[in-house]
PDB file of N, CA and C in Angstrom:
ATOM      1  N   MET A   1     151.158 119.684 118.386  1.00  0.00           N
ATOM      2  CA  MET A   1     151.434 119.458 119.819  1.00  0.00           C
ATOM      3  C   MET A   1     150.148 120.360 120.649  1.00  0.00           C
ATOM      4  N   VAL A   2     149.715 119.784 121.732  1.00  0.00           N
ATOM      5  CA  VAL A   2     148.818 120.349 122.647  1.00  0.00           C
ATOM      6  C   VAL A   2     149.403 120.521 123.898  1.00  0.00           C
ATOM      7  N   THR A   3     149.280 121.873 124.473  1.00  0.00           N
ATOM      8  CA  THR A   3     149.877 122.132 125.791  1.00  0.00           C
ATOM      9  C   THR A   3     148.932 122.338 126.589  1.00  0.00           C
ATOM     10  N   ARG A   4     149.039 121.871 128.007  1.00  0.00           N
ATOM     11  CA  ARG A   4     148.142 121.964 129.038  1.00  0.00           C
ATOM     12  C   ARG A   4     148.461 122.964 129.868  1.00  0.00           C
ATOM     13  N   PHE A   5     147.709 124.185 130.353  1.00  0.00           N
ATOM     14  CA  PHE A   5     148.001 124.975 131.439  1.00  0.00           C
ATOM     15  C   PHE A   5     147.141 125.032 132.563  1.00  0.00           C
ATOM     16  N   TYR A   6     147.698 124.965 133.762  1.00  0.00           N
ATOM     17  CA  TYR A   6     146.706 124.877 134.940  1.00  0.00           C
ATOM     18  C   TYR A   6     147.569 125.612 135.999  1.00  0.00           C
ATOM     19  N   ASP A   7     146.858 126.640 136.641  1.00  0.00           N
ATOM     20  CA  ASP A   7     147.565 127.409 137.568  1.00  0.00           C
ATOM     21  C   ASP A   7     149.173 127.799 137.009  1.00  0.00           C
ATOM     22  N   GLN A   8     149.118 128.355 135.844  1.00  0.00           N
ATOM     23  CA  GLN A   8     150.258 128.788 134.999  1.00  0.00           C
ATOM     24  C   GLN A   8     150.184 129.873 134.366  1.00  0.00           C
ATOM     25  N   GLU A   9     149.799 131.100 134.877  1.00  0.00           N
ATOM     26  CA  GLU A   9     149.060 132.263 134.261  1.00  0.00           C
ATOM     27  C   GLU A   9     150.329 132.773 133.268  1.00  0.00           C
ATOM     28  N   LYS A  10     151.341 133.053 133.679  1.00  0.00           N
ATOM     29  CA  LYS A  10     152.500 133.688 132.883  1.00  0.00           C
ATOM     30  C   LYS A  10     152.744 132.902 131.621  1.00  0.00           C
ATOM     31  N   SER A  11     152.767 131.620 131.832  1.00  0.00           N
ATOM     32  CA  SER A  11     153.171 130.525 130.682  1.00  0.00           C
ATOM     33  C   SER A  11     152.062 130.830 129.789  1.00  0.00           C
ATOM     34  N   TYR A  12     150.705 130.692 130.248  1.00  0.00           N
ATOM     35  CA  TYR A  12     149.618 130.739 129.512  1.00  0.00           C
ATOM     36  C   TYR A  12     149.420 131.999 128.602  1.00  0.00           C
ATOM     37  N   GLU A  13     149.819 133.106 129.280  1.00  0.00           N
ATOM     38  CA  GLU A  13     149.781 134.591 128.425  1.00  0.00           C
ATOM     39  C   GLU A  13     150.630 134.483 127.644  1.00  0.00           C
ATOM     40  N   ASP A  14     151.947 134.136 127.823  1.00  0.00           N
ATOM     41  CA  ASP A  14     152.839 134.077 126.974  1.00  0.00           C
ATOM     42  C   ASP A  14     152.600 133.214 125.749  1.00  0.00           C
ATOM     43  N   TRP A  15     152.023 132.050 125.917  1.00  0.00           N
ATOM     44  CA  TRP A  15     151.664 131.026 124.879  1.00  0.00           C
ATOM     45  C   TRP A  15     150.837 131.885 124.006  1.00  0.00           C
ATOM     46  N   CYS A  16     149.698 132.467 124.430  1.00  0.00           N
ATOM     47  CA  CYS A  16     148.769 133.111 123.821  1.00  0.00           C
ATOM     48  C   CYS A  16     149.345 134.283 122.934  1.00  0.00           C
ATOM     49  N   LYS A  17     150.321 135.142 123.387  1.00  0.00           N
ATOM     50  CA  LYS A  17     150.981 136.098 122.732  1.00  0.00           C
ATOM     51  C   LYS A  17     151.713 135.690 121.445  1.00  0.00           C
ATOM     52  N   GLU A  18     152.391 134.455 121.856  1.00  0.00           N
ATOM     53  CA  GLU A  18     153.132 133.849 120.822  1.00  0.00           C
ATOM     54  C   GLU A  18     152.674 133.087 119.596  1.00  0.00           C
ATOM     55  N   ASN A  19     151.263 132.909 120.069  1.00  0.00           N
ATOM     56  CA  ASN A  19     150.378 131.963 118.849  1.00  0.00           C
ATOM     57  C   ASN A  19     148.938 132.649 118.844  1.00  0.00           C
ATOM     58  N   VAL A  20     149.145 133.902 118.375  1.00  0.00           N
ATOM     59  CA  VAL A  20     147.971 134.484 118.155  1.00  0.00           C
ATOM     60  C   VAL A  20     146.972 133.891 117.176  1.00  0.00           C
ATOM     61  N   ASN A  21     147.293 132.986 116.384  1.00  0.00           N
ATOM     62  CA  ASN A  21     146.373 132.199 115.633  1.00  0.00           C
ATOM     63  C   ASN A  21     146.101 130.934 116.245  1.00  0.00           C
ATOM     64  N   GLY A  22     146.262 130.662 117.269  1.00  0.00           N
ATOM     65  CA  GLY A  22     146.111 129.390 118.010  1.00  0.00           C
ATOM     66  C   GLY A  22     144.608 129.385 118.415  1.00  0.00           C
ATOM     67  N   TYR A  23     144.353 128.212 119.269  1.00  0.00           N
ATOM     68  CA  TYR A  23     143.309 127.757 119.855  1.00  0.00           C
ATOM     69  C   TYR A  23     143.493 127.409 121.068  1.00  0.00           C
ATOM     70  N   VAL A  24     142.169 127.695 122.053  1.00  0.00           N
ATOM     71  CA  VAL A  24     142.120 127.407 123.451  1.00  0.00           C
ATOM     72  C   VAL A  24     140.955 126.677 123.764  1.00  0.00           C
ATOM     73  N   PHE A  25     141.192 125.241 124.387  1.00  0.00           N
ATOM     74  CA  PHE A  25     140.081 124.732 124.708  1.00  0.00           C
ATOM     75  C   PHE A  25     140.052 125.026 126.529  1.00  0.00           C
ATOM     76  N   ASN A  26     138.942 125.428 126.819  1.00  0.00           N
ATOM     77  CA  ASN A  26     138.701 125.787 128.188  1.00  0.00           C
ATOM     78  C   ASN A  26     137.718 124.623 128.663  1.00  0.00           C
ATOM     79  N   TYR A  27     138.561 123.780 129.584  1.00  0.00           N
ATOM     80  CA  TYR A  27     138.025 122.634 130.206  1.00  0.00           C
ATOM     81  C   TYR A  27     137.468 122.993 131.728  1.00  0.00           C
ATOM     82  N   ALA A  28     136.191 123.499 131.670  1.00  0.00           N
ATOM     83  CA  ALA A  28     135.504 123.776 132.851  1.00  0.00           C
ATOM     84  C   ALA A  28     134.659 122.831 133.444  1.00  0.00           C
ATOM     85  N   GLY A  29     134.502 121.682 132.791  1.00  0.00           N
ATOM     86  CA  GLY A  29     134.061 120.170 133.571  1.00  0.00           C
ATOM     87  C   GLY A  29     132.522 120.119 133.156  1.00  0.00           C
ATOM     88  N   GLY A  30     131.666 121.255 133.242  1.00  0.00           N
ATOM     89  CA  GLY A  30     130.248 120.911 132.852  1.00  0.00           C
ATOM     90  C   GLY A  30     130.049 121.174 131.466  1.00  0.00           C
ATOM     91  N   LYS A  31     128.644 120.648 130.821  1.00  0.00           N
ATOM     92  CA  LYS A  31     128.507 120.559 129.538  1.00  0.00           C
ATOM     93  C   LYS A  31     128.780 122.005 129.015  1.00  0.00           C
ATOM     94  N   THR A  32     128.300 123.006 129.394  1.00  0.00           N
ATOM     95  CA  THR A  32     128.253 124.435 128.756  1.00  0.00           C
ATOM     96  C   THR A  32     129.585 124.920 129.010  1.00  0.00           C
ATOM     97  N   GLY A  33     130.467 124.462 129.988  1.00  0.00           N
ATOM     98  CA  GLY A  33     131.807 125.290 130.154  1.00  0.00           C
ATOM     99  C   GLY A  33     133.095 124.645 129.242  1.00  0.00           C
ATOM    100  N   ASN A  34     132.687 123.593 128.698  1.00  0.00           N
ATOM    101  CA  ASN A  34     133.762 123.042 127.787  1.00  0.00           C
ATOM    102  C   ASN A  34     133.751 123.547 126.462  1.00  0.00           C
ATOM    103  N   VAL A  35     134.462 124.540 126.291  1.00  0.00           N
ATOM    104  CA  VAL A  35     134.271 125.270 124.964  1.00  0.00           C
ATOM    105  C   VAL A  35     135.758 125.397 124.422  1.00  0.00           C
ATOM    106  N   LEU A  36     135.634 125.516 123.005  1.00  0.00           N
ATOM    107  CA  LEU A  36     136.855 125.682 122.302  1.00  0.00           C
ATOM    108  C   LEU A  36     136.859 127.099 121.684  1.00  0.00           C
ATOM    109  N   HIS A  37     137.837 127.856 121.811  1.00  0.00           N
ATOM    110  CA  HIS A  37     137.831 129.178 121.369  1.00  0.00           C
ATOM    111  C   HIS A  37     139.201 129.300 120.699  1.00  0.00           C
ATOM    112  N   THR A  38     138.921 130.526 119.881  1.00  0.00           N
ATOM    113  CA  THR A  38     140.371 131.073 119.306  1.00  0.00           C
ATOM    114  C   THR A  38     141.033 132.006 120.227  1.00  0.00           C
ATOM    115  N   VAL A  39     142.296 132.148 120.277  1.00  0.00           N
ATOM    116  CA  VAL A  39     143.103 132.834 121.063  1.00  0.00           C
ATOM    117  C   VAL A  39     142.670 134.487 120.887  1.00  0.00           C
ATOM    118  N   GLY A  40     142.526 135.037 121.843  1.00  0.00           N
ATOM    119  CA  GLY A  40     142.011 136.444 121.633  1.00  0.00           C
ATOM    120  C   GLY A  40     140.784 136.581 121.870  1.00  0.00           C
ATOM    121  N   CYS A  41     139.797 135.374 122.064  1.00  0.00           N
ATOM    122  CA  CYS A  41     138.334 135.521 122.151  1.00  0.00           C
ATOM    123  C   CYS A  41     138.024 136.541 123.421  1.00  0.00           C
ATOM    124  N   ARG A  42     136.731 137.208 123.133  1.00  0.00           N
ATOM    125  CA  ARG A  42     136.272 138.127 124.024  1.00  0.00           C
ATOM    126  C   ARG A  42     136.025 137.379 125.428  1.00  0.00           C
ATOM    127  N   HIS A  43     135.598 136.170 125.241  1.00  0.00           N
ATOM    128  CA  HIS A  43     135.227 135.254 126.577  1.00  0.00           C
ATOM    129  C   HIS A  43     136.536 134.770 127.357  1.00  0.00           C
ATOM    130  N   LEU A  44     137.654 134.880 126.736  1.00  0.00           N
ATOM    131  CA  LEU A  44     138.982 134.325 127.345  1.00  0.00           C
ATOM    132  C   LEU A  44     139.672 135.635 127.801  1.00  0.00           C
ATOM    133  N   THR A  45     139.314 136.853 127.511  1.00  0.00           N
ATOM    134  CA  THR A  45     140.122 137.867 127.943  1.00  0.00           C
ATOM    135  C   THR A  45     139.266 138.976 128.638  1.00  0.00           C
ATOM    136  N   VAL A  46     138.396 138.647 129.652  1.00  0.00           N
ATOM    137  CA  VAL A  46     137.440 139.334 130.444  1.00  0.00           C
ATOM    138  C   VAL A  46     138.606 140.008 131.246  1.00  0.00           C
ATOM    139  N   PRO A  47     138.480 141.274 131.460  1.00  0.00           N
ATOM    140  CA  PRO A  47     139.388 142.026 132.231  1.00  0.00           C
ATOM    141  C   PRO A  47     139.505 141.546 133.780  1.00  0.00           C
ATOM    142  N   SER A  48     138.107 141.333 134.254  1.00  0.00           N
ATOM    143  CA  SER A  48     138.180 140.950 135.830  1.00  0.00           C
ATOM    144  C   SER A  48     138.750 139.565 135.836  1.00  0.00           C
ATOM    145  N   ARG A  49     138.846 138.880 135.141  1.00  0.00           N
ATOM    146  CA  ARG A  49     139.609 137.399 135.243  1.00  0.00           C
ATOM    147  C   ARG A  49     141.187 137.563 135.296  1.00  0.00           C
ATOM    148  N   ILE A  50     141.661 138.584 134.757  1.00  0.00           N
ATOM    149  CA  ILE A  50     143.057 138.740 134.474  1.00  0.00           C
ATOM    150  C   ILE A  50     143.844 138.238 135.868  1.00  0.00           C
ATOM    151  N   GLY A  51     144.801 137.164 135.511  1.00  0.00           N
ATOM    152  CA  GLY A  51     145.455 136.635 136.744  1.00  0.00           C
ATOM    153  C   GLY A  51     144.982 135.400 137.330  1.00  0.00           C
ATOM    154  N   THR A  52     143.764 135.126 136.556  1.00  0.00           N
ATOM    155  CA  THR A  52     143.068 133.812 137.217  1.00  0.00           C
ATOM    156  C   THR A  52     142.664 133.068 135.889  1.00  0.00           C
ATOM    157  N   TYR A  53     143.097 133.174 134.877  1.00  0.00           N
ATOM    158  CA  TYR A  53     142.598 132.375 133.672  1.00  0.00           C
ATOM    159  C   TYR A  53     143.015 131.021 133.605  1.00  0.00           C
ATOM    160  N   THR A  54     143.957 130.625 134.375  1.00  0.00           N
ATOM    161  CA  THR A  54     144.260 129.180 134.486  1.00  0.00           C
ATOM    162  C   THR A  54     144.153 128.541 136.029  1.00  0.00           C
ATOM    163  N   THR A  55     143.628 129.458 136.868  1.00  0.00           N
ATOM    164  CA  THR A  55     143.514 129.221 138.179  1.00  0.00           C
ATOM    165  C   THR A  55     142.094 128.214 138.514  1.00  0.00           C
ATOM    166  N   ARG A  56     141.170 128.837 137.800  1.00  0.00           N
ATOM    167  CA  ARG A  56     139.852 128.185 138.010  1.00  0.00           C
ATOM    168  C   ARG A  56     139.532 126.917 137.079  1.00  0.00           C
ATOM    169  N   TYR A  57     140.156 126.641 136.033  1.00  0.00           N
ATOM    170  CA  TYR A  57     140.036 125.627 134.952  1.00  0.00           C
ATOM    171  C   TYR A  57     141.140 125.636 134.186  1.00  0.00           C
ATOM    172  N   PRO A  58     141.674 124.365 133.784  1.00  0.00           N
ATOM    173  CA  PRO A  58     142.830 124.192 132.945  1.00  0.00           C
ATOM    174  C   PRO A  58     142.430 124.581 131.312  1.00  0.00           C
ATOM    175  N   LYS A  59     143.389 125.014 130.737  1.00  0.00           N
ATOM    176  CA  LYS A  59     143.308 125.377 129.294  1.00  0.00           C
ATOM    177  C   LYS A  59     144.250 124.505 128.640  1.00  0.00           C
ATOM    178  N   PHE A  60     143.618 124.038 127.239  1.00  0.00           N
ATOM    179  CA  PHE A  60     144.593 123.157 126.605  1.00  0.00           C
ATOM    180  C   PHE A  60     144.811 124.098 125.233  1.00  0.00           C
ATOM    181  N   CYS A  61     145.789 124.134 125.025  1.00  0.00           N
ATOM    182  CA  CYS A  61     146.158 125.121 123.755  1.00  0.00           C
ATOM    183  C   CYS A  61     146.757 124.529 122.532  1.00  0.00           C
ATOM    184  N   SER A  62     146.625 124.967 121.414  1.00  0.00           N
ATOM    185  CA  SER A  62     147.220 124.354 120.157  1.00  0.00           C
ATOM    186  C   SER A  62     147.145 125.437 119.174  1.00  0.00           C
ATOM    187  N   THR A  63     148.214 125.132 118.077  1.00  0.00           N
ATOM    188  CA  THR A  63     147.934 125.992 116.824  1.00  0.00           C
ATOM    189  C   THR A  63     147.180 125.111 115.867  1.00  0.00           C
ATOM    190  N   ASP A  64     147.063 123.756 116.122  1.00  0.00           N
ATOM    191  CA  ASP A  64     146.535 122.862 115.382  1.00  0.00           C
ATOM    192  C   ASP A  64     145.034 122.547 115.917  1.00  0.00           C
ATOM    193  N   ILE A  65     144.075 122.993 115.182  1.00  0.00           N
ATOM    194  CA  ILE A  65     142.686 122.681 115.585  1.00  0.00           C
ATOM    195  C   ILE A  65     142.220 121.181 115.702  1.00  0.00           C
ATOM    196  N   THR A  66     142.723 120.473 114.707  1.00  0.00           N
ATOM    197  CA  THR A  66     142.415 119.040 114.910  1.00  0.00           C
ATOM    198  C   THR A  66     142.916 118.364 116.071  1.00  0.00           C
ATOM    199  N   LEU A  67     144.120 118.369 116.543  1.00  0.00           N
ATOM    200  CA  LEU A  67     144.771 117.958 117.377  1.00  0.00           C
ATOM    201  C   LEU A  67     144.228 118.405 118.831  1.00  0.00           C
ATOM    202  N   LEU A  68     143.718 119.806 118.788  1.00  0.00           N
ATOM    203  CA  LEU A  68     142.953 120.146 119.823  1.00  0.00           C
ATOM    204  C   LEU A  68     141.758 119.738 120.342  1.00  0.00           C
ATOM    205  N   SER A  69     141.048 119.504 119.055  1.00  0.00           N
ATOM    206  CA  SER A  69     139.727 118.675 119.076  1.00  0.00           C
ATOM    207  C   SER A  69     139.690 117.361 119.659  1.00  0.00           C
ATOM    208  N   ILE A  70     140.812 116.600 119.140  1.00  0.00           N
ATOM    209  CA  ILE A  70     141.006 115.417 119.682  1.00  0.00           C
ATOM    210  C   ILE A  70     141.261 115.241 121.125  1.00  0.00           C
ATOM    211  N   LYS A  71     142.055 116.208 121.502  1.00  0.00           N
ATOM    212  CA  LYS A  71     142.296 116.362 123.198  1.00  0.00           C
ATOM    213  C   LYS A  71     140.955 116.622 123.937  1.00  0.00           C
ATOM    214  N   ALA A  72     140.218 117.562 123.235  1.00  0.00           N
ATOM    215  CA  ALA A  72     138.887 117.958 123.814  1.00  0.00           C
ATOM    216  C   ALA A  72     138.147 116.430 124.021  1.00  0.00           C
ATOM    217  N   ASP A  73     137.964 115.661 123.013  1.00  0.00           N
ATOM    218  CA  ASP A  73     137.377 114.569 123.198  1.00  0.00           C
ATOM    219  C   ASP A  73     137.832 113.735 124.136  1.00  0.00           C
ATOM    220  N   GLU A  74     139.280 113.554 124.309  1.00  0.00           N
ATOM    221  CA  GLU A  74     140.044 112.681 125.333  1.00  0.00           C
ATOM    222  C   GLU A  74     139.585 113.254 126.829  1.00  0.00           C
ATOM    223  N   VAL A  75     139.581 114.433 127.126  1.00  0.00           N
ATOM    224  CA  VAL A  75     139.541 114.767 128.248  1.00  0.00           C
ATOM    225  C   VAL A  75     137.682 114.959 128.749  1.00  0.00           C
ATOM    226  N   SER A  76     137.013 115.090 127.712  1.00  0.00           N
ATOM    227  CA  SER A  76     135.571 115.152 127.849  1.00  0.00           C
ATOM    228  C   SER A  76     134.744 114.135 127.213  1.00  0.00           C
ATOM    229  N   ASN A  77     133.657 114.088 127.520  1.00  0.00           N
ATOM    230  CA  ASN A  77     132.598 113.326 126.425  1.00  0.00           C
ATOM    231  C   ASN A  77     132.729 114.127 125.195  1.00  0.00           C
ATOM    232  N   PRO A  78     132.727 113.452 124.127  1.00  0.00           N
ATOM    233  CA  PRO A  78     132.808 114.052 122.654  1.00  0.00           C
ATOM    234  C   PRO A  78     131.575 114.647 122.550  1.00  0.00           C
ATOM    235  N   TYR A  79     130.519 114.606 123.308  1.00  0.00           N
ATOM    236  CA  TYR A  79     129.350 115.569 123.042  1.00  0.00           C
ATOM    237  C   TYR A  79     128.964 116.556 124.248  1.00  0.00           C
ATOM    238  N   SER A  80     130.136 116.795 125.000  1.00  0.00           N
ATOM    239  CA  SER A  80     129.874 117.629 126.018  1.00  0.00           C
ATOM    240  C   SER A  80     130.859 118.863 125.817  1.00  0.00           C
ATOM    241  N   TRP A  81     131.200 119.088 124.739  1.00  0.00           N
ATOM    242  CA  TRP A  81     132.018 120.256 124.365  1.00  0.00           C
ATOM    243  C   TRP A  81     131.367 120.891 123.000  1.00  0.00           C
ATOM    244  N   ARG A  82     131.866 122.168 123.011  1.00  0.00           N
ATOM    245  CA  ARG A  82     131.225 122.850 121.625  1.00  0.00           C
ATOM    246  C   ARG A  82     132.445 123.995 121.461  1.00  0.00           C
ATOM    247  N   ARG A  83     132.014 124.513 120.240  1.00  0.00           N
ATOM    248  CA  ARG A  83     132.983 125.717 119.647  1.00  0.00           C
ATOM    249  C   ARG A  83     132.222 126.863 120.101  1.00  0.00           C
ATOM    250  N   CYS A  84     133.187 128.034 120.486  1.00  0.00           N
ATOM    251  CA  CYS A  84     132.472 128.939 120.653  1.00  0.00           C
ATOM    252  C   CYS A  84     131.851 129.866 119.667  1.00  0.00           C
ATOM    253  N   LYS A  85     130.502 130.189 119.862  1.00  0.00           N
ATOM    254  CA  LYS A  85     129.704 130.816 118.826  1.00  0.00           C
ATOM    255  C   LYS A  85     130.431 132.239 118.640  1.00  0.00           C
ATOM    256  N   ALA A  86     131.044 132.852 119.216  1.00  0.00           N
ATOM    257  CA  ALA A  86     131.627 134.190 118.816  1.00  0.00           C
ATOM    258  C   ALA A  86     132.741 133.998 118.309  1.00  0.00           C
ATOM    259  N   CYS A  87     133.613 132.888 118.323  1.00  0.00           N
ATOM    260  CA  CYS A  87     135.085 132.679 117.592  1.00  0.00           C
ATOM    261  C   CYS A  87     134.615 132.051 116.128  1.00  0.00           C
ATOM    262  N   PHE A  88     133.767 131.016 116.147  1.00  0.00           N
ATOM    263  CA  PHE A  88     133.496 130.174 114.977  1.00  0.00           C
ATOM    264  C   PHE A  88     132.118 130.542 114.464  1.00  0.00           C
ATOM    265  N   LYS A  89     131.970 131.557 113.400  1.00  0.00           N
ATOM    266  CA  LYS A  89     130.626 131.814 113.108  1.00  0.00           C
ATOM    267  C   LYS A  89     130.312 131.078 111.731  1.00  0.00           C
TER     268      LYS A  89
END
């Protein structure tokens, strides 16, 4: 299952706490902004952004990387998103 969070900070933060081995697709719209991360990635936990993680861009979350990759392809061009280099070495 893939869950979408947009302007739902508490629900997003709760999901991340409950799914520490999950994945987050940050759908920012531009080629460099559409990025698949692991929960807890330093790029997703910037202290200055606390309280605004889902207000700027929607987040799609899942514990299944395959399902989340399919969703990333659906919402963006398959060639316009990437995996975070910090998460997936």
